[in-house]
Amino acid sequence: MSQLFSEETHRNLLSRIPHCTGREISEWIRTVDEGPSLFRFDEKVSWLRGEHNLAYGHAKAIVHEYDLRRAARKL
């Protein structure tokens, strides 16, 4: 798995994504959830970048948040 951002950097990126992309984080989480069944973190990041023309940092932050929320649901 790729090196993840610090928690502070992750939160800062998440707060800027709606302004930069015009879509809320919840919409991006749904996009990843409804997207292709990719298993690896880097595959999901690459898919978001290619399919939705996202910056690397934004795509990485979205996938990381998706993984965090998905893990929280399993508890």
N, C-alpha and C. Protein backbone atom coordinates (compact mmCIF):
# COMPACT_ATOMS: atom_id res chain seq x y z
N MET A 1 0.84 -1.17 0.00
CA MET A 1 0.00 0.00 0.00
C MET A 1 0.89 1.24 0.00
N SER A 2 0.43 2.27 -0.63
CA SER A 2 1.17 3.52 -0.69
C SER A 2 1.24 4.18 0.67
N GLN A 3 2.23 5.01 0.82
CA GLN A 3 2.37 5.77 2.07
C GLN A 3 1.16 6.69 2.21
N LEU A 4 0.56 6.68 3.38
CA LEU A 4 -0.61 7.52 3.62
C LEU A 4 -0.18 8.85 4.19
N PHE A 5 -1.05 9.83 4.03
CA PHE A 5 -0.81 11.15 4.59
C PHE A 5 -1.00 11.12 6.10
N SER A 6 -0.46 12.13 6.78
CA SER A 6 -0.74 12.28 8.20
C SER A 6 -2.23 12.56 8.36
N GLU A 7 -2.75 12.35 9.55
CA GLU A 7 -4.18 12.59 9.80
C GLU A 7 -4.54 14.05 9.49
N GLU A 8 -3.68 14.96 9.87
CA GLU A 8 -3.95 16.39 9.63
C GLU A 8 -3.99 16.69 8.13
N THR A 9 -3.03 16.17 7.40
CA THR A 9 -2.99 16.38 5.95
C THR A 9 -4.21 15.75 5.29
N HIS A 10 -4.58 14.57 5.74
CA HIS A 10 -5.76 13.89 5.20
C HIS A 10 -7.02 14.75 5.41
N ARG A 11 -7.21 15.27 6.61
CA ARG A 11 -8.38 16.10 6.91
C ARG A 11 -8.36 17.39 6.08
N ASN A 12 -7.17 17.98 5.90
CA ASN A 12 -7.06 19.20 5.09
C ASN A 12 -7.43 18.93 3.63
N LEU A 13 -6.95 17.81 3.11
CA LEU A 13 -7.30 17.44 1.74
C LEU A 13 -8.80 17.21 1.60
N LEU A 14 -9.38 16.48 2.55
CA LEU A 14 -10.82 16.23 2.49
C LEU A 14 -11.62 17.52 2.51
N SER A 15 -11.19 18.48 3.31
CA SER A 15 -11.94 19.73 3.40
C SER A 15 -11.88 20.54 2.10
N ARG A 16 -10.82 20.34 1.31
CA ARG A 16 -10.68 21.09 0.04
C ARG A 16 -11.31 20.39 -1.15
N ILE A 17 -11.58 19.10 -1.05
CA ILE A 17 -12.09 18.35 -2.20
C ILE A 17 -13.41 18.91 -2.73
N PRO A 18 -14.40 19.23 -1.90
CA PRO A 18 -15.65 19.77 -2.47
C PRO A 18 -15.43 21.05 -3.28
N HIS A 19 -14.57 21.92 -2.80
CA HIS A 19 -14.29 23.17 -3.52
C HIS A 19 -13.59 22.89 -4.85
N CYS A 20 -12.63 21.97 -4.84
CA CYS A 20 -11.83 21.68 -6.03
C CYS A 20 -12.57 20.83 -7.06
N THR A 21 -13.47 19.97 -6.61
CA THR A 21 -14.13 19.04 -7.53
C THR A 21 -15.59 19.35 -7.79
N GLY A 22 -16.19 20.14 -6.91
CA GLY A 22 -17.61 20.44 -7.05
C GLY A 22 -18.52 19.33 -6.53
N ARG A 23 -17.94 18.34 -5.88
CA ARG A 23 -18.71 17.22 -5.34
C ARG A 23 -18.32 17.00 -3.89
N GLU A 24 -19.30 16.66 -3.07
CA GLU A 24 -19.07 16.40 -1.65
C GLU A 24 -18.36 15.05 -1.47
N ILE A 25 -17.72 14.89 -0.31
CA ILE A 25 -17.02 13.64 0.00
C ILE A 25 -17.98 12.46 -0.05
N SER A 26 -19.19 12.64 0.46
CA SER A 26 -20.16 11.53 0.45
C SER A 26 -20.46 11.06 -0.97
N GLU A 27 -20.47 11.97 -1.93
CA GLU A 27 -20.68 11.60 -3.33
C GLU A 27 -19.49 10.79 -3.86
N TRP A 28 -18.29 11.21 -3.48
CA TRP A 28 -17.09 10.48 -3.93
C TRP A 28 -17.03 9.10 -3.30
N ILE A 29 -17.43 8.99 -2.03
CA ILE A 29 -17.46 7.69 -1.36
C ILE A 29 -18.43 6.77 -2.09
N ARG A 30 -19.59 7.28 -2.45
CA ARG A 30 -20.58 6.51 -3.19
C ARG A 30 -20.03 6.11 -4.56
N THR A 31 -19.30 7.01 -5.21
CA THR A 31 -18.71 6.72 -6.52
C THR A 31 -17.74 5.54 -6.42
N VAL A 32 -16.90 5.55 -5.39
CA VAL A 32 -15.95 4.44 -5.20
C VAL A 32 -16.72 3.16 -4.90
N ASP A 33 -17.73 3.26 -4.05
CA ASP A 33 -18.51 2.09 -3.67
C ASP A 33 -19.23 1.46 -4.86
N GLU A 34 -19.73 2.30 -5.75
CA GLU A 34 -20.48 1.82 -6.91
C GLU A 34 -19.58 1.56 -8.13
N GLY A 35 -18.31 1.89 -8.01
CA GLY A 35 -17.37 1.70 -9.11
C GLY A 35 -16.98 0.24 -9.29
N PRO A 36 -15.98 0.01 -10.12
CA PRO A 36 -15.55 -1.37 -10.36
C PRO A 36 -15.02 -2.02 -9.09
N SER A 37 -15.11 -3.32 -9.04
CA SER A 37 -14.66 -4.08 -7.86
C SER A 37 -13.15 -4.21 -7.87
N LEU A 38 -12.49 -3.18 -7.45
CA LEU A 38 -11.04 -3.18 -7.37
C LEU A 38 -10.64 -3.45 -5.92
N PHE A 39 -9.63 -4.27 -5.73
CA PHE A 39 -9.25 -4.66 -4.38
C PHE A 39 -8.11 -3.82 -3.81
N ARG A 40 -7.17 -3.46 -4.62
CA ARG A 40 -5.98 -2.76 -4.13
C ARG A 40 -6.21 -1.25 -4.05
N PHE A 41 -5.63 -0.65 -3.03
CA PHE A 41 -5.71 0.79 -2.80
C PHE A 41 -5.27 1.55 -4.06
N ASP A 42 -4.09 1.19 -4.59
CA ASP A 42 -3.54 1.91 -5.74
C ASP A 42 -4.41 1.76 -6.98
N GLU A 43 -5.09 0.63 -7.13
CA GLU A 43 -5.99 0.45 -8.26
C GLU A 43 -7.17 1.41 -8.17
N LYS A 44 -7.70 1.57 -6.98
CA LYS A 44 -8.83 2.50 -6.78
C LYS A 44 -8.40 3.93 -7.05
N VAL A 45 -7.21 4.29 -6.57
CA VAL A 45 -6.69 5.64 -6.80
C VAL A 45 -6.51 5.88 -8.30
N SER A 46 -5.91 4.93 -8.99
CA SER A 46 -5.69 5.06 -10.44
C SER A 46 -7.01 5.17 -11.19
N TRP A 47 -8.00 4.38 -10.77
CA TRP A 47 -9.31 4.43 -11.42
C TRP A 47 -9.94 5.81 -11.24
N LEU A 48 -9.92 6.34 -10.02
CA LEU A 48 -10.49 7.68 -9.79
C LEU A 48 -9.76 8.73 -10.61
N ARG A 49 -8.46 8.64 -10.66
CA ARG A 49 -7.69 9.62 -11.43
C ARG A 49 -8.02 9.55 -12.91
N GLY A 50 -8.06 8.34 -13.45
CA GLY A 50 -8.32 8.19 -14.88
C GLY A 50 -9.76 8.45 -15.27
N GLU A 51 -10.68 7.94 -14.50
CA GLU A 51 -12.10 8.04 -14.82
C GLU A 51 -12.68 9.42 -14.51
N HIS A 52 -12.19 10.06 -13.45
CA HIS A 52 -12.79 11.32 -13.00
C HIS A 52 -11.81 12.49 -13.01
N ASN A 53 -10.63 12.26 -13.57
CA ASN A 53 -9.64 13.33 -13.74
C ASN A 53 -9.29 14.04 -12.44
N LEU A 54 -9.13 13.27 -11.37
CA LEU A 54 -8.78 13.84 -10.07
C LEU A 54 -7.28 13.93 -9.90
N ALA A 55 -6.85 14.88 -9.09
CA ALA A 55 -5.44 14.98 -8.71
C ALA A 55 -5.09 13.77 -7.85
N TYR A 56 -3.83 13.38 -7.87
CA TYR A 56 -3.38 12.21 -7.12
C TYR A 56 -3.71 12.32 -5.64
N GLY A 57 -3.42 13.46 -5.02
CA GLY A 57 -3.67 13.64 -3.59
C GLY A 57 -5.14 13.54 -3.24
N HIS A 58 -5.99 14.11 -4.09
CA HIS A 58 -7.44 14.04 -3.84
C HIS A 58 -7.94 12.61 -3.97
N ALA A 59 -7.51 11.92 -5.02
CA ALA A 59 -7.95 10.53 -5.21
C ALA A 59 -7.48 9.65 -4.06
N LYS A 60 -6.27 9.86 -3.63
CA LYS A 60 -5.72 9.07 -2.52
C LYS A 60 -6.48 9.34 -1.23
N ALA A 61 -6.81 10.60 -0.97
CA ALA A 61 -7.56 10.96 0.24
C ALA A 61 -8.97 10.36 0.20
N ILE A 62 -9.60 10.36 -0.96
CA ILE A 62 -10.95 9.79 -1.09
C ILE A 62 -10.92 8.29 -0.82
N VAL A 63 -9.97 7.59 -1.41
CA VAL A 63 -9.89 6.14 -1.22
C VAL A 63 -9.56 5.81 0.23
N HIS A 64 -8.68 6.59 0.83
CA HIS A 64 -8.34 6.35 2.23
C HIS A 64 -9.58 6.55 3.12
N GLU A 65 -10.32 7.61 2.87
CA GLU A 65 -11.54 7.87 3.64
C GLU A 65 -12.56 6.76 3.39
N TYR A 66 -12.68 6.31 2.16
CA TYR A 66 -13.58 5.20 1.83
C TYR A 66 -13.20 3.97 2.66
N ASP A 67 -11.91 3.64 2.70
CA ASP A 67 -11.45 2.48 3.46
C ASP A 67 -11.71 2.64 4.95
N LEU A 68 -11.50 3.85 5.49
CA LEU A 68 -11.78 4.10 6.91
C LEU A 68 -13.26 3.90 7.23
N ARG A 69 -14.11 4.45 6.39
CA ARG A 69 -15.56 4.34 6.64
C ARG A 69 -16.04 2.90 6.47
N ARG A 70 -15.49 2.21 5.50
CA ARG A 70 -15.86 0.82 5.29
C ARG A 70 -15.43 -0.05 6.47
N ALA A 71 -14.26 0.20 6.99
CA ALA A 71 -13.77 -0.54 8.16
C ALA A 71 -14.63 -0.25 9.38
N ALA A 72 -15.08 0.99 9.53
CA ALA A 72 -15.91 1.37 10.67
C ALA A 72 -17.27 0.68 10.61
N ARG A 73 -17.78 0.45 9.41
CA ARG A 73 -19.08 -0.23 9.26
C ARG A 73 -18.99 -1.69 9.68
N LYS A 74 -17.83 -2.30 9.53
CA LYS A 74 -17.67 -3.71 9.84
C LYS A 74 -17.56 -3.97 11.33
N LEU A 75 -17.30 -2.93 12.11
CA LEU A 75 -17.14 -3.12 13.56
C LEU A 75 -18.43 -3.32 14.25
